[in-house]
Amino acid sequence: MALLFLAYGLVLAVFAVALFWLILRAYKGKIDVSYDDYSLESEYTSEENVIDLSAFRRADMDGLRLLQEYSRIESSNLSERDKLKEIVIWNKELQDYEEKNRKIIQSRGFLKPVQLQVSKSGHLTKI
């Protein structure tokens, strides 16, 4: 039984590390997503494709909050049984987060910071 709990905890820890790695990778700009003028303009040309950037920010912040919460649970001085209860609750929150933000997570702009683009005149302009 203890091995089952240990395995469950390790699976959750691996998932948390993978999610954290994904966030770090995205913020360091290693994801191959083109943010040229055409691709951004095409997102706004149709009224049905209007993007709510505040939803992306909320999803980013909620994802980071979930990671911090998991880290707090793992580093706490709770007994293994209490940690497992907390992890089960956290896992439910994670599932709710994934269901609520499924479209945002699957979009190409999730976890990608707003980039600066150098125009032909050499000045920095926000996209």
Protein backbone atom coordinates (compact mmCIF):
# COMPACT_ATOMS: atom_id res chain seq x y z
CA MET A 1 0.00 0.00 0.00
CA ALA A 2 2.84 2.34 0.85
CA LEU A 3 4.45 1.61 -2.51
CA LEU A 4 1.21 2.52 -4.24
CA PHE A 5 1.13 5.88 -2.46
CA LEU A 6 4.79 6.43 -3.26
CA ALA A 7 4.19 5.63 -6.92
CA TYR A 8 1.20 7.98 -7.02
CA GLY A 9 3.25 10.75 -5.43
CA LEU A 10 6.07 10.21 -7.90
CA VAL A 11 3.69 10.36 -10.86
CA LEU A 12 2.28 13.64 -9.59
CA ALA A 13 5.76 14.98 -8.95
CA VAL A 14 6.84 14.08 -12.48
CA PHE A 15 3.75 15.80 -13.86
CA ALA A 16 4.44 18.93 -11.82
CA VAL A 17 8.06 18.99 -12.98
CA ALA A 18 6.96 18.52 -16.60
CA LEU A 19 4.48 21.39 -16.32
CA PHE A 20 7.11 23.59 -14.66
CA TRP A 21 9.60 22.69 -17.42
CA LEU A 22 7.01 23.58 -20.05
CA ILE A 23 6.47 26.98 -18.46
CA LEU A 24 10.20 27.66 -18.23
CA ARG A 25 10.72 26.55 -21.82
CA ALA A 26 7.93 28.79 -23.03
CA TYR A 27 9.23 31.84 -21.19
CA LYS A 28 12.76 31.32 -22.44
CA GLY A 29 11.42 31.45 -25.99
CA LYS A 30 12.36 27.94 -27.08
CA ILE A 31 8.94 27.08 -28.47
CA ASP A 32 8.78 27.35 -32.24
CA VAL A 33 5.80 29.65 -32.55
CA SER A 34 5.89 32.39 -35.14
CA TYR A 35 4.58 35.72 -33.92
CA ASP A 36 4.96 37.71 -37.10
CA ASP A 37 2.51 40.44 -38.08
CA TYR A 38 0.60 38.19 -40.47
CA SER A 39 -0.14 35.47 -37.93
CA LEU A 40 -1.26 37.94 -35.30
CA GLU A 41 -3.29 39.93 -37.79
CA SER A 42 -5.02 36.78 -39.00
CA GLU A 43 -6.14 36.06 -35.44
CA TYR A 44 -8.03 39.35 -35.31
CA THR A 45 -9.45 39.53 -38.84
CA SER A 46 -12.50 37.42 -38.12
CA GLU A 47 -14.81 38.48 -35.32
CA GLU A 48 -15.21 34.88 -34.21
CA ASN A 49 -11.46 34.66 -33.55
CA VAL A 50 -11.25 37.51 -31.06
CA ILE A 51 -8.69 36.64 -28.42
CA ASP A 52 -9.16 37.64 -24.81
CA LEU A 53 -5.57 38.17 -23.69
CA SER A 54 -6.67 38.56 -20.08
CA ALA A 55 -7.87 34.94 -20.22
CA PHE A 56 -4.35 33.89 -21.21
CA ARG A 57 -2.91 35.85 -18.31
CA ARG A 58 -5.40 34.35 -15.86
CA ALA A 59 -4.61 30.85 -17.15
CA ASP A 60 -0.87 31.51 -16.78
CA MET A 61 -1.30 32.81 -13.25
CA ASP A 62 -3.60 29.95 -12.25
CA GLY A 63 -1.11 27.42 -13.64
CA LEU A 64 1.75 29.00 -11.72
CA ARG A 65 -0.38 29.10 -8.57
CA LEU A 66 -1.08 25.37 -8.93
CA LEU A 67 2.63 24.66 -9.28
CA GLN A 68 3.42 26.71 -6.19
CA GLU A 69 0.70 24.94 -4.26
CA TYR A 70 2.08 21.52 -5.23
CA SER A 71 5.57 22.60 -4.23
CA ARG A 72 4.22 23.81 -0.88
CA ILE A 73 2.50 20.46 -0.30
CA GLU A 74 5.62 18.45 -1.14
CA SER A 75 7.88 20.56 1.07
CA SER A 76 5.49 20.69 4.03
CA ASN A 77 6.02 18.82 7.28
CA LEU A 78 2.74 16.95 6.99
CA SER A 79 2.56 13.21 7.46
CA GLU A 80 2.58 11.13 4.29
CA ARG A 81 -1.11 10.39 4.72
CA ASP A 82 -1.97 14.09 5.02
CA LYS A 83 0.28 14.91 2.07
CA LEU A 84 -1.54 12.31 0.01
CA LYS A 85 -4.90 13.83 0.94
CA GLU A 86 -3.62 17.27 -0.05
CA ILE A 87 -2.25 15.90 -3.33
CA VAL A 88 -5.60 14.29 -4.15
CA ILE A 89 -7.32 17.65 -3.56
CA TRP A 90 -4.63 19.39 -5.63
CA ASN A 91 -5.09 16.85 -8.42
CA LYS A 92 -8.82 17.63 -8.52
CA GLU A 93 -7.99 21.36 -8.78
CA LEU A 94 -5.57 20.56 -11.61
CA GLN A 95 -8.24 18.63 -13.49
CA ASP A 96 -10.68 21.51 -13.05
CA TYR A 97 -8.01 23.91 -14.32
CA GLU A 98 -7.38 21.75 -17.40
CA GLU A 99 -11.09 21.48 -18.19
CA LYS A 100 -11.70 25.20 -17.67
CA ASN A 101 -8.73 26.29 -19.77
CA ARG A 102 -8.66 23.54 -22.42
CA LYS A 103 -9.00 25.93 -25.38
CA ILE A 104 -6.35 28.28 -24.02
CA ILE A 105 -3.92 25.45 -23.24
CA GLN A 106 -4.31 24.04 -26.76
CA SER A 107 -3.86 27.43 -28.41
CA ARG A 108 -0.51 28.53 -29.73
CA GLY A 109 -0.26 31.60 -27.51
CA PHE A 110 -0.48 29.87 -24.13
CA LEU A 111 2.49 30.52 -21.85
CA LYS A 112 4.16 32.70 -24.47
CA PRO A 113 5.15 36.17 -23.27
CA VAL A 114 4.40 39.18 -25.43
CA GLN A 115 7.46 39.61 -27.59
CA LEU A 116 9.07 42.75 -28.87
CA GLN A 117 9.70 43.01 -32.57
CA VAL A 118 12.34 45.15 -34.23
CA SER A 119 10.83 47.14 -37.06
CA LYS A 120 12.76 47.96 -40.22
CA SER A 121 13.65 51.39 -38.84
CA GLY A 122 15.37 49.76 -35.88
CA HIS A 123 12.95 50.88 -33.19
CA LEU A 124 11.36 48.37 -30.85
CA THR A 125 7.63 48.05 -31.26
CA LYS A 126 5.18 46.00 -29.28
CA ILE A 127 3.14 43.47 -31.20
